[in-house]
Amino acid sequence: MKPRPGASLIGLAQAESEFGIPYGTLLALIKSGDLPYVQLPKRRRLYIDRAELEHAIETWKVGTR
């Protein structure tokens, strides 16, 4: 599947490529309930809302500025 820049929903492989978070880590975060996901009816593929992932990354930041 061809990546679509600016798409609201992205697959795990695209999220891995764009955000540098390994596919397995993204899947583990989804399974643990720490990262919301979208699954279209009658489809196996999981998607992440780009805005949700960006928000999650902001909340995971550690340290002071």
PDB file of N, CA and C in Angstrom:
ATOM      1  N   MET A   1       0.843  -1.173   0.000  1.00  0.00           N
ATOM      2  CA  MET A   1       0.000   0.000   0.000  1.00  0.00           C
ATOM      3  C   MET A   1       0.890   1.239   0.000  1.00  0.00           C
ATOM      4  N   LYS A   2       0.556   2.183  -0.841  1.00  0.00           N
ATOM      5  CA  LYS A   2       1.335   3.402  -0.980  1.00  0.00           C
ATOM      6  C   LYS A   2       1.021   4.379   0.162  1.00  0.00           C
ATOM      7  N   PRO A   3       2.044   4.847   0.894  1.00  0.00           N
ATOM      8  CA  PRO A   3       1.803   5.828   1.962  1.00  0.00           C
ATOM      9  C   PRO A   3       1.188   7.109   1.398  1.00  0.00           C
ATOM     10  N   ARG A   4       0.278   7.671   2.141  1.00  0.00           N
ATOM     11  CA  ARG A   4      -0.355   8.931   1.759  1.00  0.00           C
ATOM     12  C   ARG A   4       0.040   9.993   2.775  1.00  0.00           C
ATOM     13  N   PRO A   5       0.949  10.890   2.415  1.00  0.00           N
ATOM     14  CA  PRO A   5       1.348  11.942   3.360  1.00  0.00           C
ATOM     15  C   PRO A   5       0.144  12.761   3.815  1.00  0.00           C
ATOM     16  N   GLY A   6       0.068  13.010   5.092  1.00  0.00           N
ATOM     17  CA  GLY A   6      -1.021  13.815   5.632  1.00  0.00           C
ATOM     18  C   GLY A   6      -2.299  13.041   5.911  1.00  0.00           C
ATOM     19  N   ALA A   7      -2.305  11.737   5.637  1.00  0.00           N
ATOM     20  CA  ALA A   7      -3.503  10.935   5.899  1.00  0.00           C
ATOM     21  C   ALA A   7      -3.776  10.905   7.398  1.00  0.00           C
ATOM     22  N   SER A   8      -5.048  10.929   7.749  1.00  0.00           N
ATOM     23  CA  SER A   8      -5.429  10.908   9.159  1.00  0.00           C
ATOM     24  C   SER A   8      -5.129   9.546   9.792  1.00  0.00           C
ATOM     25  N   LEU A   9      -5.469   8.473   9.087  1.00  0.00           N
ATOM     26  CA  LEU A   9      -5.194   7.119   9.583  1.00  0.00           C
ATOM     27  C   LEU A   9      -3.973   6.567   8.868  1.00  0.00           C
ATOM     28  N   ILE A  10      -3.095   5.951   9.644  1.00  0.00           N
ATOM     29  CA  ILE A  10      -1.902   5.341   9.063  1.00  0.00           C
ATOM     30  C   ILE A  10      -1.758   3.926   9.594  1.00  0.00           C
ATOM     31  N   GLY A  11      -1.220   3.051   8.765  1.00  0.00           N
ATOM     32  CA  GLY A  11      -0.955   1.679   9.170  1.00  0.00           C
ATOM     33  C   GLY A  11       0.258   1.618  10.090  1.00  0.00           C
ATOM     34  N   LEU A  12       0.429   0.481  10.724  1.00  0.00           N
ATOM     35  CA  LEU A  12       1.540   0.344  11.667  1.00  0.00           C
ATOM     36  C   LEU A  12       2.894   0.450  10.973  1.00  0.00           C
ATOM     37  N   ALA A  13       3.013  -0.108   9.766  1.00  0.00           N
ATOM     38  CA  ALA A  13       4.285  -0.034   9.048  1.00  0.00           C
ATOM     39  C   ALA A  13       4.618   1.417   8.690  1.00  0.00           C
ATOM     40  N   GLN A  14       3.610   2.183   8.286  1.00  0.00           N
ATOM     41  CA  GLN A  14       3.841   3.580   7.958  1.00  0.00           C
ATOM     42  C   GLN A  14       4.187   4.376   9.217  1.00  0.00           C
ATOM     43  N   ALA A  15       3.512   4.071  10.327  1.00  0.00           N
ATOM     44  CA  ALA A  15       3.817   4.740  11.595  1.00  0.00           C
ATOM     45  C   ALA A  15       5.255   4.430  12.018  1.00  0.00           C
ATOM     46  N   GLU A  16       5.670   3.188  11.819  1.00  0.00           N
ATOM     47  CA  GLU A  16       7.048   2.807  12.139  1.00  0.00           C
ATOM     48  C   GLU A  16       8.022   3.637  11.301  1.00  0.00           C
ATOM     49  N   SER A  17       7.748   3.750  10.023  1.00  0.00           N
ATOM     50  CA  SER A  17       8.621   4.483   9.117  1.00  0.00           C
ATOM     51  C   SER A  17       8.661   5.978   9.443  1.00  0.00           C
ATOM     52  N   GLU A  18       7.502   6.572   9.704  1.00  0.00           N
ATOM     53  CA  GLU A  18       7.429   8.014   9.932  1.00  0.00           C
ATOM     54  C   GLU A  18       7.875   8.444  11.325  1.00  0.00           C
ATOM     55  N   PHE A  19       7.573   7.641  12.340  1.00  0.00           N
ATOM     56  CA  PHE A  19       7.824   8.059  13.720  1.00  0.00           C
ATOM     57  C   PHE A  19       8.988   7.322  14.377  1.00  0.00           C
ATOM     58  N   GLY A  20       9.503   6.288  13.716  1.00  0.00           N
ATOM     59  CA  GLY A  20      10.660   5.576  14.251  1.00  0.00           C
ATOM     60  C   GLY A  20      10.355   4.650  15.420  1.00  0.00           C
ATOM     61  N   ILE A  21       9.087   4.317  15.609  1.00  0.00           N
ATOM     62  CA  ILE A  21       8.699   3.387  16.678  1.00  0.00           C
ATOM     63  C   ILE A  21       8.527   2.015  16.041  1.00  0.00           C
ATOM     64  N   PRO A  22       9.254   1.004  16.501  1.00  0.00           N
ATOM     65  CA  PRO A  22       9.168  -0.307  15.875  1.00  0.00           C
ATOM     66  C   PRO A  22       7.734  -0.857  15.831  1.00  0.00           C
ATOM     67  N   TYR A  23       7.443  -1.576  14.753  1.00  0.00           N
ATOM     68  CA  TYR A  23       6.132  -2.179  14.527  1.00  0.00           C
ATOM     69  C   TYR A  23       5.683  -2.984  15.741  1.00  0.00           C
ATOM     70  N   GLY A  24       6.570  -3.824  16.270  1.00  0.00           N
ATOM     71  CA  GLY A  24       6.237  -4.664  17.422  1.00  0.00           C
ATOM     72  C   GLY A  24       5.895  -3.842  18.658  1.00  0.00           C
ATOM     73  N   THR A  25       6.576  -2.730  18.841  1.00  0.00           N
ATOM     74  CA  THR A  25       6.286  -1.847  19.970  1.00  0.00           C
ATOM     75  C   THR A  25       4.917  -1.216  19.809  1.00  0.00           C
ATOM     76  N   LEU A  26       4.603  -0.753  18.595  1.00  0.00           N
ATOM     77  CA  LEU A  26       3.275  -0.181  18.329  1.00  0.00           C
ATOM     78  C   LEU A  26       2.185  -1.214  18.608  1.00  0.00           C
ATOM     79  N   LEU A  27       2.395  -2.435  18.153  1.00  0.00           N
ATOM     80  CA  LEU A  27       1.412  -3.497  18.371  1.00  0.00           C
ATOM     81  C   LEU A  27       1.255  -3.786  19.864  1.00  0.00           C
ATOM     82  N   ALA A  28       2.358  -3.815  20.602  1.00  0.00           N
ATOM     83  CA  ALA A  28       2.300  -4.048  22.048  1.00  0.00           C
ATOM     84  C   ALA A  28       1.554  -2.914  22.754  1.00  0.00           C
ATOM     85  N   LEU A  29       1.781  -1.670  22.329  1.00  0.00           N
ATOM     86  CA  LEU A  29       1.079  -0.527  22.916  1.00  0.00           C
ATOM     87  C   LEU A  29      -0.423  -0.608  22.656  1.00  0.00           C
ATOM     88  N   ILE A  30      -0.784  -1.075  21.473  1.00  0.00           N
ATOM     89  CA  ILE A  30      -2.203  -1.256  21.145  1.00  0.00           C
ATOM     90  C   ILE A  30      -2.813  -2.349  22.011  1.00  0.00           C
ATOM     91  N   LYS A  31      -2.132  -3.501  22.084  1.00  0.00           N
ATOM     92  CA  LYS A  31      -2.663  -4.635  22.854  1.00  0.00           C
ATOM     93  C   LYS A  31      -2.774  -4.325  24.344  1.00  0.00           C
ATOM     94  N   SER A  32      -1.894  -3.464  24.854  1.00  0.00           N
ATOM     95  CA  SER A  32      -1.934  -3.123  26.280  1.00  0.00           C
ATOM     96  C   SER A  32      -2.958  -2.027  26.579  1.00  0.00           C
ATOM     97  N   GLY A  33      -3.514  -1.425  25.520  1.00  0.00           N
ATOM     98  CA  GLY A  33      -4.495  -0.367  25.710  1.00  0.00           C
ATOM     99  C   GLY A  33      -3.873   1.016  25.865  1.00  0.00           C
ATOM    100  N   ASP A  34      -2.567   1.117  25.664  1.00  0.00           N
ATOM    101  CA  ASP A  34      -1.882   2.403  25.815  1.00  0.00           C
ATOM    102  C   ASP A  34      -1.925   3.264  24.552  1.00  0.00           C
ATOM    103  N   LEU A  35      -2.356   2.680  23.436  1.00  0.00           N
ATOM    104  CA  LEU A  35      -2.445   3.427  22.185  1.00  0.00           C
ATOM    105  C   LEU A  35      -3.745   3.035  21.486  1.00  0.00           C
ATOM    106  N   PRO A  36      -4.640   4.000  21.282  1.00  0.00           N
ATOM    107  CA  PRO A  36      -5.899   3.685  20.610  1.00  0.00           C
ATOM    108  C   PRO A  36      -5.650   3.328  19.139  1.00  0.00           C
ATOM    109  N   TYR A  37      -6.530   2.535  18.587  1.00  0.00           N
ATOM    110  CA  TYR A  37      -6.389   2.135  17.186  1.00  0.00           C
ATOM    111  C   TYR A  37      -7.755   2.079  16.521  1.00  0.00           C
ATOM    112  N   VAL A  38      -7.724   1.975  15.212  1.00  0.00           N
ATOM    113  CA  VAL A  38      -8.937   1.865  14.413  1.00  0.00           C
ATOM    114  C   VAL A  38      -8.851   0.563  13.633  1.00  0.00           C
ATOM    115  N   GLN A  39      -9.945  -0.192  13.656  1.00  0.00           N
ATOM    116  CA  GLN A  39     -10.024  -1.400  12.852  1.00  0.00           C
ATOM    117  C   GLN A  39     -11.341  -1.345  12.081  1.00  0.00           C
ATOM    118  N   LEU A  40     -11.227  -1.253  10.772  1.00  0.00           N
ATOM    119  CA  LEU A  40     -12.414  -1.164   9.936  1.00  0.00           C
ATOM    120  C   LEU A  40     -13.196  -2.469   9.991  1.00  0.00           C
ATOM    121  N   PRO A  41     -14.510  -2.406   9.855  1.00  0.00           N
ATOM    122  CA  PRO A  41     -15.333  -3.626   9.913  1.00  0.00           C
ATOM    123  C   PRO A  41     -14.879  -4.661   8.880  1.00  0.00           C
ATOM    124  N   LYS A  42     -14.795  -5.898   9.329  1.00  0.00           N
ATOM    125  CA  LYS A  42     -14.456  -7.049   8.482  1.00  0.00           C
ATOM    126  C   LYS A  42     -13.060  -6.961   7.880  1.00  0.00           C
ATOM    127  N   ARG A  43     -12.165  -6.235   8.531  1.00  0.00           N
ATOM    128  CA  ARG A  43     -10.777  -6.121   8.083  1.00  0.00           C
ATOM    129  C   ARG A  43      -9.857  -6.479   9.238  1.00  0.00           C
ATOM    130  N   ARG A  44      -8.703  -7.046   8.922  1.00  0.00           N
ATOM    131  CA  ARG A  44      -7.728  -7.417   9.948  1.00  0.00           C
ATOM    132  C   ARG A  44      -6.744  -6.298  10.252  1.00  0.00           C
ATOM    133  N   ARG A  45      -6.479  -5.466   9.267  1.00  0.00           N
ATOM    134  CA  ARG A  45      -5.465  -4.426   9.401  1.00  0.00           C
ATOM    135  C   ARG A  45      -5.839  -3.411  10.483  1.00  0.00           C
ATOM    136  N   LEU A  46      -4.839  -2.997  11.246  1.00  0.00           N
ATOM    137  CA  LEU A  46      -5.030  -1.998  12.291  1.00  0.00           C
ATOM    138  C   LEU A  46      -4.466  -0.666  11.808  1.00  0.00           C
ATOM    139  N   TYR A  47      -5.130   0.394  12.175  1.00  0.00           N
ATOM    140  CA  TYR A  47      -4.690   1.741  11.831  1.00  0.00           C
ATOM    141  C   TYR A  47      -4.568   2.569  13.096  1.00  0.00           C
ATOM    142  N   ILE A  48      -3.726   3.577  13.021  1.00  0.00           N
ATOM    143  CA  ILE A  48      -3.550   4.512  14.123  1.00  0.00           C
ATOM    144  C   ILE A  48      -3.928   5.889  13.608  1.00  0.00           C
ATOM    145  N   ASP A  49      -4.632   6.631  14.416  1.00  0.00           N
ATOM    146  CA  ASP A  49      -4.932   8.018  14.087  1.00  0.00           C
ATOM    147  C   ASP A  49      -3.647   8.811  14.319  1.00  0.00           C
ATOM    148  N   ARG A  50      -3.173   9.465  13.272  1.00  0.00           N
ATOM    149  CA  ARG A  50      -1.908  10.200  13.352  1.00  0.00           C
ATOM    150  C   ARG A  50      -1.898  11.198  14.518  1.00  0.00           C
ATOM    151  N   ALA A  51      -2.998  11.914  14.708  1.00  0.00           N
ATOM    152  CA  ALA A  51      -3.074  12.898  15.791  1.00  0.00           C
ATOM    153  C   ALA A  51      -2.981  12.217  17.154  1.00  0.00           C
ATOM    154  N   GLU A  52      -3.598  11.040  17.299  1.00  0.00           N
ATOM    155  CA  GLU A  52      -3.527  10.295  18.564  1.00  0.00           C
ATOM    156  C   GLU A  52      -2.088   9.865  18.848  1.00  0.00           C
ATOM    157  N   LEU A  53      -1.383   9.398  17.815  1.00  0.00           N
ATOM    158  CA  LEU A  53       0.001   8.969  18.006  1.00  0.00           C
ATOM    159  C   LEU A  53       0.883  10.160  18.371  1.00  0.00           C
ATOM    160  N   GLU A  54       0.700  11.274  17.688  1.00  0.00           N
ATOM    161  CA  GLU A  54       1.480  12.471  18.021  1.00  0.00           C
ATOM    162  C   GLU A  54       1.200  12.922  19.450  1.00  0.00           C
ATOM    163  N   HIS A  55      -0.052  12.867  19.868  1.00  0.00           N
ATOM    164  CA  HIS A  55      -0.414  13.234  21.239  1.00  0.00           C
ATOM    165  C   HIS A  55       0.241  12.270  22.237  1.00  0.00           C
ATOM    166  N   ALA A  56       0.179  10.966  21.943  1.00  0.00           N
ATOM    167  CA  ALA A  56       0.776   9.970  22.836  1.00  0.00           C
ATOM    168  C   ALA A  56       2.276  10.222  22.985  1.00  0.00           C
ATOM    169  N   ILE A  57       2.928  10.511  21.891  1.00  0.00           N
ATOM    170  CA  ILE A  57       4.371  10.775  21.939  1.00  0.00           C
ATOM    171  C   ILE A  57       4.657  11.971  22.841  1.00  0.00           C
ATOM    172  N   GLU A  58       3.846  13.007  22.751  1.00  0.00           N
ATOM    173  CA  GLU A  58       4.025  14.181  23.618  1.00  0.00           C
ATOM    174  C   GLU A  58       3.891  13.797  25.095  1.00  0.00           C
ATOM    175  N   THR A  59       2.939  12.924  25.401  1.00  0.00           N
ATOM    176  CA  THR A  59       2.724  12.538  26.815  1.00  0.00           C
ATOM    177  C   THR A  59       3.830  11.611  27.317  1.00  0.00           C
ATOM    178  N   TRP A  60       4.535  10.952  26.413  1.00  0.00           N
ATOM    179  CA  TRP A  60       5.595  10.030  26.824  1.00  0.00           C
ATOM    180  C   TRP A  60       6.934  10.732  27.020  1.00  0.00           C
ATOM    181  N   LYS A  61       7.029  11.980  26.655  1.00  0.00           N
ATOM    182  CA  LYS A  61       8.305  12.690  26.783  1.00  0.00           C
ATOM    183  C   LYS A  61       8.697  12.805  28.259  1.00  0.00           C
ATOM    184  N   VAL A  62       9.987  12.620  28.501  1.00  0.00           N
ATOM    185  CA  VAL A  62      10.522  12.659  29.850  1.00  0.00           C
ATOM    186  C   VAL A  62      11.612  13.720  29.908  1.00  0.00           C
ATOM    187  N   GLY A  63      11.678  14.423  31.021  1.00  0.00           N
ATOM    188  CA  GLY A  63      12.734  15.416  31.196  1.00  0.00           C
ATOM    189  C   GLY A  63      12.168  16.811  31.248  1.00  0.00           C
ATOM    190  N   THR A  64      13.053  17.735  31.518  1.00  0.00           N
ATOM    191  CA  THR A  64      12.631  19.123  31.621  1.00  0.00           C
ATOM    192  C   THR A  64      13.126  19.894  30.410  1.00  0.00           C
ATOM    193  N   ARG A  65      12.518  21.023  30.200  1.00  0.00           N
ATOM    194  CA  ARG A  65      12.935  21.872  29.078  1.00  0.00           C
ATOM    195  C   ARG A  65      13.496  23.155  29.596  1.00  0.00           C
TER     196      ARG A  65
END
